[in-house]
C-alpha atoms as a PDB file:
ATOM      1  CA  UNK A   1      94.254 117.658 106.044  1.00  0.00           C
ATOM      2  CA  UNK A   2      96.693 120.327 105.756  1.00  0.00           C
ATOM      3  CA  UNK A   3     100.423 119.183 105.900  1.00  0.00           C
ATOM      4  CA  UNK A   4     102.642 121.857 104.618  1.00  0.00           C
ATOM      5  CA  UNK A   5     103.958 125.154 106.773  1.00  0.00           C
ATOM      6  CA  UNK A   6     100.801 126.770 105.657  1.00  0.00           C
ATOM      7  CA  UNK A   7      97.304 124.863 105.925  1.00  0.00           C
ATOM      8  CA  UNK A   8      95.592 125.000 102.207  1.00  0.00           C
ATOM      9  CA  UNK A   9      91.993 123.500 104.024  1.00  0.00           C
ATOM     10  CA  UNK A  10      92.186 126.699 106.693  1.00  0.00           C
ATOM     11  CA  UNK A  11      90.339 128.859 104.014  1.00  0.00           C
ATOM     12  CA  UNK A  12      88.732 125.503 102.553  1.00  0.00           C
ATOM     13  CA  UNK A  13      87.269 123.744 105.978  1.00  0.00           C
ATOM     14  CA  UNK A  14      84.145 124.742 106.626  1.00  0.00           C
ATOM     15  CA  UNK A  15      83.391 123.929 102.113  1.00  0.00           C
ATOM     16  CA  UNK A  16      85.026 120.695 102.751  1.00  0.00           C
ATOM     17  CA  UNK A  17      83.030 119.765 105.890  1.00  0.00           C
ATOM     18  CA  UNK A  18      80.110 119.455 103.345  1.00  0.00           C
ATOM     19  CA  UNK A  19      82.187 118.472 100.231  1.00  0.00           C
ATOM     20  CA  UNK A  20      83.629 114.984 102.412  1.00  0.00           C
ATOM     21  CA  UNK A  21      80.380 114.625 104.475  1.00  0.00           C
ATOM     22  CA  UNK A  22      78.322 114.436 100.899  1.00  0.00           C
ATOM     23  CA  UNK A  23      80.600 111.995  99.357  1.00  0.00           C
ATOM     24  CA  UNK A  24      77.760 109.289  98.479  1.00  0.00           C
ATOM     25  CA  UNK A  25      78.872 106.118  96.840  1.00  0.00           C
ATOM     26  CA  UNK A  26      82.707 107.364  96.655  1.00  0.00           C
ATOM     27  CA  UNK A  27      83.134 107.734 100.642  1.00  0.00           C
ATOM     28  CA  UNK A  28      81.591 104.570 100.822  1.00  0.00           C
ATOM     29  CA  UNK A  29      84.166 103.188  98.952  1.00  0.00           C
ATOM     30  CA  UNK A  30      86.937 104.608 100.561  1.00  0.00           C
ATOM     31  CA  UNK A  31      85.048 103.757 104.015  1.00  0.00           C
ATOM     32  CA  UNK A  32      84.699 100.105 102.725  1.00  0.00           C
ATOM     33  CA  UNK A  33      88.516  99.671 101.797  1.00  0.00           C
ATOM     34  CA  UNK A  34      89.746 101.360 105.001  1.00  0.00           C
ATOM     35  CA  UNK A  35      87.431  98.796 106.996  1.00  0.00           C
ATOM     36  CA  UNK A  36      88.683  95.549 104.809  1.00  0.00           C
ATOM     37  CA  UNK A  37      92.419  96.994 105.169  1.00  0.00           C
ATOM     38  CA  UNK A  38      92.706  97.986 108.914  1.00  0.00           C
ATOM     39  CA  UNK A  39      90.186  94.985 110.197  1.00  0.00           C
ATOM     40  CA  UNK A  40      88.887  94.626 114.245  1.00  0.00           C
ATOM     41  CA  UNK A  41      91.912  95.739 116.962  1.00  0.00           C
ATOM     42  CA  UNK A  42      91.994  97.310 119.795  1.00  0.00           C
ATOM     43  CA  UNK A  43      93.990 100.887 121.187  1.00  0.00           C
ATOM     44  CA  UNK A  44      94.870 103.969 119.366  1.00  0.00           C
ATOM     45  CA  UNK A  45      94.356 103.847 116.208  1.00  0.00           C
ATOM     46  CA  UNK A  46      96.015 107.361 114.805  1.00  0.00           C
ATOM     47  CA  UNK A  47      94.030 109.400 112.183  1.00  0.00           C
ATOM     48  CA  UNK A  48      97.041 110.746 109.965  1.00  0.00           C
ATOM     49  CA  UNK A  49      95.587 114.153 108.200  1.00  0.00           C
ATOM     50  CA  UNK A  50      92.514 113.634 110.175  1.00  0.00           C
ATOM     51  CA  UNK A  51      90.986 116.715 108.533  1.00  0.00           C
ATOM     52  CA  UNK A  52      87.317 116.803 109.371  1.00  0.00           C
ATOM     53  CA  UNK A  53      87.295 113.434 111.167  1.00  0.00           C
ATOM     54  CA  UNK A  54      85.269 112.069 108.552  1.00  0.00           C
ATOM     55  CA  UNK A  55      87.020 108.618 108.743  1.00  0.00           C
ATOM     56  CA  UNK A  56      86.781 108.070 112.036  1.00  0.00           C
ATOM     57  CA  UNK A  57      84.056 106.131 112.496  1.00  0.00           C
ATOM     58  CA  UNK A  58      85.685 103.245 110.580  1.00  0.00           C
ATOM     59  CA  UNK A  59      88.265 102.635 112.920  1.00  0.00           C
ATOM     60  CA  UNK A  60      85.761 103.212 115.665  1.00  0.00           C
ATOM     61  CA  UNK A  61      83.247 100.585 114.425  1.00  0.00           C
ATOM     62  CA  UNK A  62      86.203  98.108 114.285  1.00  0.00           C
ATOM     63  CA  UNK A  63      87.361  97.848 117.985  1.00  0.00           C
ATOM     64  CA  UNK A  64      89.922 100.855 117.520  1.00  0.00           C
ATOM     65  CA  UNK A  65      90.138 104.169 119.215  1.00  0.00           C
ATOM     66  CA  UNK A  66      90.614 106.731 116.942  1.00  0.00           C
ATOM     67  CA  UNK A  67      92.611 109.779 117.507  1.00  0.00           C
ATOM     68  CA  UNK A  68      93.260 112.617 114.676  1.00  0.00           C
ATOM     69  CA  UNK A  69      96.379 114.477 113.887  1.00  0.00           C
ATOM     70  CA  UNK A  70      96.298 117.279 111.622  1.00  0.00           C
ATOM     71  CA  UNK A  71      97.874 120.450 110.848  1.00  0.00           C
ATOM     72  CA  UNK A  72      94.846 122.610 109.606  1.00  0.00           C
ATOM     73  CA  UNK A  73      92.641 124.155 112.651  1.00  0.00           C
ATOM     74  CA  UNK A  74      90.069 124.866 110.485  1.00  0.00           C
ATOM     75  CA  UNK A  75      89.499 121.316 109.701  1.00  0.00           C
ATOM     76  CA  UNK A  76      90.053 120.174 113.422  1.00  0.00           C
ATOM     77  CA  UNK A  77      86.983 122.575 114.630  1.00  0.00           C
ATOM     78  CA  UNK A  78      84.931 120.168 112.650  1.00  0.00           C
ATOM     79  CA  UNK A  79      86.826 117.017 113.443  1.00  0.00           C
ATOM     80  CA  UNK A  80      86.762 117.533 117.297  1.00  0.00           C
ATOM     81  CA  UNK A  81      83.470 116.876 117.524  1.00  0.00           C
ATOM     82  CA  UNK A  82      84.513 113.124 116.315  1.00  0.00           C
ATOM     83  CA  UNK A  83      87.278 112.105 118.066  1.00  0.00           C
ATOM     84  CA  UNK A  84      90.068 113.183 120.593  1.00  0.00           C
ATOM     85  CA  UNK A  85      92.647 115.162 117.755  1.00  0.00           C
ATOM     86  CA  UNK A  86      95.757 117.253 117.989  1.00  0.00           C
ATOM     87  CA  UNK A  87      97.358 119.681 115.820  1.00  0.00           C
ATOM     88  CA  UNK A  88     100.733 118.544 114.533  1.00  0.00           C
ATOM     89  CA  UNK A  89     102.350 117.772 111.164  1.00  0.00           C
ATOM     90  CA  UNK A  90     102.518 114.682 110.080  1.00  0.00           C
ATOM     91  CA  UNK A  91     106.143 114.911 108.874  1.00  0.00           C
ATOM     92  CA  UNK A  92     106.820 115.318 112.774  1.00  0.00           C
ATOM     93  CA  UNK A  93     103.836 113.281 114.417  1.00  0.00           C
ATOM     94  CA  UNK A  94     103.498 114.355 118.027  1.00  0.00           C
ATOM     95  CA  UNK A  95     103.721 110.828 119.365  1.00  0.00           C
ATOM     96  CA  UNK A  96     106.958 109.152 120.995  1.00  0.00           C
ATOM     97  CA  UNK A  97     108.611 106.226 118.896  1.00  0.00           C
ATOM     98  CA  UNK A  98     107.161 102.865 118.878  1.00  0.00           C
ATOM     99  CA  UNK A  99     103.841 103.855 121.290  1.00  0.00           C
ATOM    100  CA  UNK A 100     101.145 102.811 119.021  1.00  0.00           C
ATOM    101  CA  UNK A 101      99.422  99.578 117.215  1.00  0.00           C
ATOM    102  CA  UNK A 102      97.613 100.911 114.651  1.00  0.00           C
ATOM    103  CA  UNK A 103      97.218 104.483 111.934  1.00  0.00           C
ATOM    104  CA  UNK A 104      95.943 105.266 108.889  1.00  0.00           C
ATOM    105  CA  UNK A 105      96.132 107.587 106.081  1.00  0.00           C
ATOM    106  CA  UNK A 106      93.005 108.260 104.194  1.00  0.00           C
ATOM    107  CA  UNK A 107      92.796 110.813 100.877  1.00  0.00           C
ATOM    108  CA  UNK A 108      95.555 112.886 102.207  1.00  0.00           C
ATOM    109  CA  UNK A 109      98.236 111.307 100.233  1.00  0.00           C
ATOM    110  CA  UNK A 110      98.236 113.789  97.373  1.00  0.00           C
ATOM    111  CA  UNK A 111      98.442 117.181 100.143  1.00  0.00           C
ATOM    112  CA  UNK A 112     101.891 116.921 101.162  1.00  0.00           C
ATOM    113  CA  UNK A 113     104.830 117.417  98.972  1.00  0.00           C
ATOM    114  CA  UNK A 114     107.103 114.961 101.135  1.00  0.00           C
ATOM    115  CA  UNK A 115     104.661 111.353 101.661  1.00  0.00           C
ATOM    116  CA  UNK A 116     107.853 109.456 102.553  1.00  0.00           C
ATOM    117  CA  UNK A 117     108.497 111.696 105.142  1.00  0.00           C
ATOM    118  CA  UNK A 118     105.307 110.674 106.382  1.00  0.00           C
ATOM    119  CA  UNK A 119     105.973 106.878 106.330  1.00  0.00           C
ATOM    120  CA  UNK A 120     109.109 107.384 108.211  1.00  0.00           C
ATOM    121  CA  UNK A 121     107.308 109.037 110.519  1.00  0.00           C
ATOM    122  CA  UNK A 122     104.692 105.965 111.142  1.00  0.00           C
ATOM    123  CA  UNK A 123     107.371 103.822 110.926  1.00  0.00           C
ATOM    124  CA  UNK A 124     108.739 105.490 113.906  1.00  0.00           C
ATOM    125  CA  UNK A 125     105.599 105.725 116.011  1.00  0.00           C
ATOM    126  CA  UNK A 126     104.394 101.802 114.933  1.00  0.00           C
ATOM    127  CA  UNK A 127     105.106  99.321 117.579  1.00  0.00           C
ATOM    128  CA  UNK A 128     106.993  96.216 115.800  1.00  0.00           C
ATOM    129  CA  UNK A 129     103.606  94.443 114.128  1.00  0.00           C
ATOM    130  CA  UNK A 130     101.105  97.407 113.949  1.00  0.00           C
ATOM    131  CA  UNK A 131      99.987  97.869 110.981  1.00  0.00           C
ATOM    132  CA  UNK A 132      99.133 101.093 108.653  1.00  0.00           C
ATOM    133  CA  UNK A 133      97.162 100.880 106.614  1.00  0.00           C
ATOM    134  CA  UNK A 134      97.162 103.820 103.052  1.00  0.00           C
ATOM    135  CA  UNK A 135      94.010 104.716 101.044  1.00  0.00           C
ATOM    136  CA  UNK A 136      94.399 107.400  98.539  1.00  0.00           C
ATOM    137  CA  UNK A 137      93.559 108.288  94.727  1.00  0.00           C
ATOM    138  CA  UNK A 138      94.774 105.676  92.574  1.00  0.00           C
ATOM    139  CA  UNK A 139      98.215 107.428  90.848  1.00  0.00           C
ATOM    140  CA  UNK A 140      98.144 105.375  88.197  1.00  0.00           C
ATOM    141  CA  UNK A 141      94.350 107.197  87.085  1.00  0.00           C
ATOM    142  CA  UNK A 142      93.873 109.848  89.210  1.00  0.00           C
ATOM    143  CA  UNK A 143      95.783 113.367  88.912  1.00  0.00           C
ATOM    144  CA  UNK A 144      96.495 116.427  86.782  1.00  0.00           C
ATOM    145  CA  UNK A 145      97.330 114.106  84.328  1.00  0.00           C
ATOM    146  CA  UNK A 146      93.936 111.719  83.752  1.00  0.00           C
ATOM    147  CA  UNK A 147      91.021 113.192  81.825  1.00  0.00           C
ATOM    148  CA  UNK A 148      87.595 111.280  83.599  1.00  0.00           C
ATOM    149  CA  UNK A 149      85.469 113.338  81.120  1.00  0.00           C
ATOM    150  CA  UNK A 150      84.843 110.816  78.817  1.00  0.00           C
ATOM    151  CA  UNK A 151      84.161 108.110  81.515  1.00  0.00           C
ATOM    152  CA  UNK A 152      84.039 104.773  81.731  1.00  0.00           C
ATOM    153  CA  UNK A 153      87.400 105.749  79.304  1.00  0.00           C
ATOM    154  CA  UNK A 154      90.342 107.556  81.290  1.00  0.00           C
ATOM    155  CA  UNK A 155      92.734 109.107  79.038  1.00  0.00           C
ATOM    156  CA  UNK A 156      96.354 109.799  81.062  1.00  0.00           C
ATOM    157  CA  UNK A 157      99.059 111.629  79.586  1.00  0.00           C
ATOM    158  CA  UNK A 158     102.436 112.530  79.814  1.00  0.00           C
ATOM    159  CA  UNK A 159     102.085 114.273  83.029  1.00  0.00           C
ATOM    160  CA  UNK A 160     101.630 110.950  85.217  1.00  0.00           C
ATOM    161  CA  UNK A 161     105.864 111.572  85.952  1.00  0.00           C
ATOM    162  CA  UNK A 162     105.319 114.755  86.759  1.00  0.00           C
ATOM    163  CA  UNK A 163     105.718 115.013  90.735  1.00  0.00           C
ATOM    164  CA  UNK A 164     105.001 118.692  91.625  1.00  0.00           C
ATOM    165  CA  UNK A 165     101.655 120.089  93.264  1.00  0.00           C
ATOM    166  CA  UNK A 166      99.223 121.139  90.409  1.00  0.00           C
ATOM    167  CA  UNK A 167      95.375 123.023  90.348  1.00  0.00           C
ATOM    168  CA  UNK A 168      95.024 120.898  87.321  1.00  0.00           C
ATOM    169  CA  UNK A 169      91.685 118.910  86.995  1.00  0.00           C
ATOM    170  CA  UNK A 170      88.839 118.321  84.419  1.00  0.00           C
ATOM    171  CA  UNK A 171      86.954 118.438  87.671  1.00  0.00           C
ATOM    172  CA  UNK A 172      86.415 122.152  88.253  1.00  0.00           C
ATOM    173  CA  UNK A 173      84.313 121.699  91.226  1.00  0.00           C
ATOM    174  CA  UNK A 174      86.344 119.541  93.412  1.00  0.00           C
ATOM    175  CA  UNK A 175      89.704 119.699  96.128  1.00  0.00           C
ATOM    176  CA  UNK A 176      92.464 119.639  93.593  1.00  0.00           C
ATOM    177  CA  UNK A 177      91.569 122.833  92.052  1.00  0.00           C
ATOM    178  CA  UNK A 178      90.855 124.537  95.504  1.00  0.00           C
ATOM    179  CA  UNK A 179      94.123 123.379  97.263  1.00  0.00           C
ATOM    180  CA  UNK A 180      96.149 121.373  94.357  1.00  0.00           C
ATOM    181  CA  UNK A 181      97.763 118.262  94.840  1.00  0.00           C
ATOM    182  CA  UNK A 182     101.111 116.384  94.841  1.00  0.00           C
ATOM    183  CA  UNK A 183     101.649 113.217  92.650  1.00  0.00           C
ATOM    184  CA  UNK A 184     103.253 110.535  93.922  1.00  0.00           C
ATOM    185  CA  UNK A 185     103.649 107.782  91.260  1.00  0.00           C
ATOM    186  CA  UNK A 186     102.843 104.212  92.074  1.00  0.00           C
ATOM    187  CA  UNK A 187     106.467 103.398  92.173  1.00  0.00           C
ATOM    188  CA  UNK A 188     107.703 105.957  94.341  1.00  0.00           C
ATOM    189  CA  UNK A 189     104.498 105.101  96.690  1.00  0.00           C
ATOM    190  CA  UNK A 190     105.151 101.335  96.655  1.00  0.00           C
ATOM    191  CA  UNK A 191     109.522 102.002  97.271  1.00  0.00           C
ATOM    192  CA  UNK A 192     108.792 104.574  99.822  1.00  0.00           C
ATOM    193  CA  UNK A 193     106.761 102.169 101.826  1.00  0.00           C
ATOM    194  CA  UNK A 194     109.143  99.804 102.131  1.00  0.00           C
ATOM    195  CA  UNK A 195     112.185 101.929 102.531  1.00  0.00           C
ATOM    196  CA  UNK A 196     110.404 103.491 105.544  1.00  0.00           C
ATOM    197  CA  UNK A 197     110.517  99.493 106.888  1.00  0.00           C
ATOM    198  CA  UNK A 198     107.049  98.649 106.763  1.00  0.00           C
ATOM    199  CA  UNK A 199     106.354  95.094 104.910  1.00  0.00           C
ATOM    200  CA  UNK A 200     103.606  95.307 102.856  1.00  0.00           C
ATOM    201  CA  UNK A 201     100.849  93.167 103.430  1.00  0.00           C
ATOM    202  CA  UNK A 202      97.966  93.850 100.729  1.00  0.00           C
ATOM    203  CA  UNK A 203      96.955  96.039  98.146  1.00  0.00           C
ATOM    204  CA  UNK A 204      93.214  97.362  97.206  1.00  0.00           C
ATOM    205  CA  UNK A 205      91.776  99.052  94.066  1.00  0.00           C
ATOM    206  CA  UNK A 206      88.305 100.134  94.145  1.00  0.00           C
ATOM    207  CA  UNK A 207      86.575 102.176  91.160  1.00  0.00           C
ATOM    208  CA  UNK A 208      83.609 102.624  88.997  1.00  0.00           C
ATOM    209  CA  UNK A 209      82.784 101.230  85.840  1.00  0.00           C
ATOM    210  CA  UNK A 210      86.127  98.901  86.250  1.00  0.00           C
ATOM    211  CA  UNK A 211      88.878 101.894  86.457  1.00  0.00           C
ATOM    212  CA  UNK A 212      89.951 101.994  89.945  1.00  0.00           C
ATOM    213  CA  UNK A 213      89.815 105.571  91.497  1.00  0.00           C
ATOM    214  CA  UNK A 214      91.324 104.045  94.999  1.00  0.00           C
ATOM    215  CA  UNK A 215      94.352 102.807  95.633  1.00  0.00           C
ATOM    216  CA  UNK A 216      94.558 100.902  99.330  1.00  0.00           C
ATOM    217  CA  UNK A 217      97.529  99.538 101.302  1.00  0.00           C
ATOM    218  CA  UNK A 218      98.046  97.721 104.463  1.00  0.00           C
ATOM    219  CA  UNK A 219     101.422  97.058 105.643  1.00  0.00           C
ATOM    220  CA  UNK A 220     103.068  96.368 108.981  1.00  0.00           C
ATOM    221  CA  UNK A 221     106.348  97.691 111.200  1.00  0.00           C
ATOM    222  CA  UNK A 222     108.951  95.562 110.715  1.00  0.00           C
ATOM    223  CA  UNK A 223     109.955  93.960 114.281  1.00  0.00           C
END
């Protein structure tokens, strides 16, 4: 899922393949949220920051043709057996204007220092009326600012406002402590989506024990 000039996931690609493949209930909830928001369709669905291709089965099962793009060559070694892939930066997608009917970005927003730039690229490559699905960790409850160690209670502190990259996490065996994560507060995410020229249609939340750890958005490119 690397999207910076130095693909952070290259050094962890084999570990991540096993980690995400063994995602259990969490991965099932991710895929159910993507499926619910994306819906049936046909033509290409661009999987932005496709990583190992772990989410490609969802659009394929809905009738779409998944195509992946990622900056990490290490990740794409695993993804290439699951969907057609190309190496590229999410903030400079290798596709022409208004050429795609759908796109999705799953569990990758925290891998980008400039997610709004990716959203502008999504608006550029989507056809008018084309749909975009974002599913990521919940920006209000998951991050360096959130302690899930006493779940179902989740403690959020003042670092919610910190948009810088952080390797801090209550979970010392997860992704964040290996590659870090950039935090994008909820208002920033919604405002950046609208500012890119994408019209927000639906919002979805999912999570265990009443506290959502996932946030999903469905938006369409304005005509």
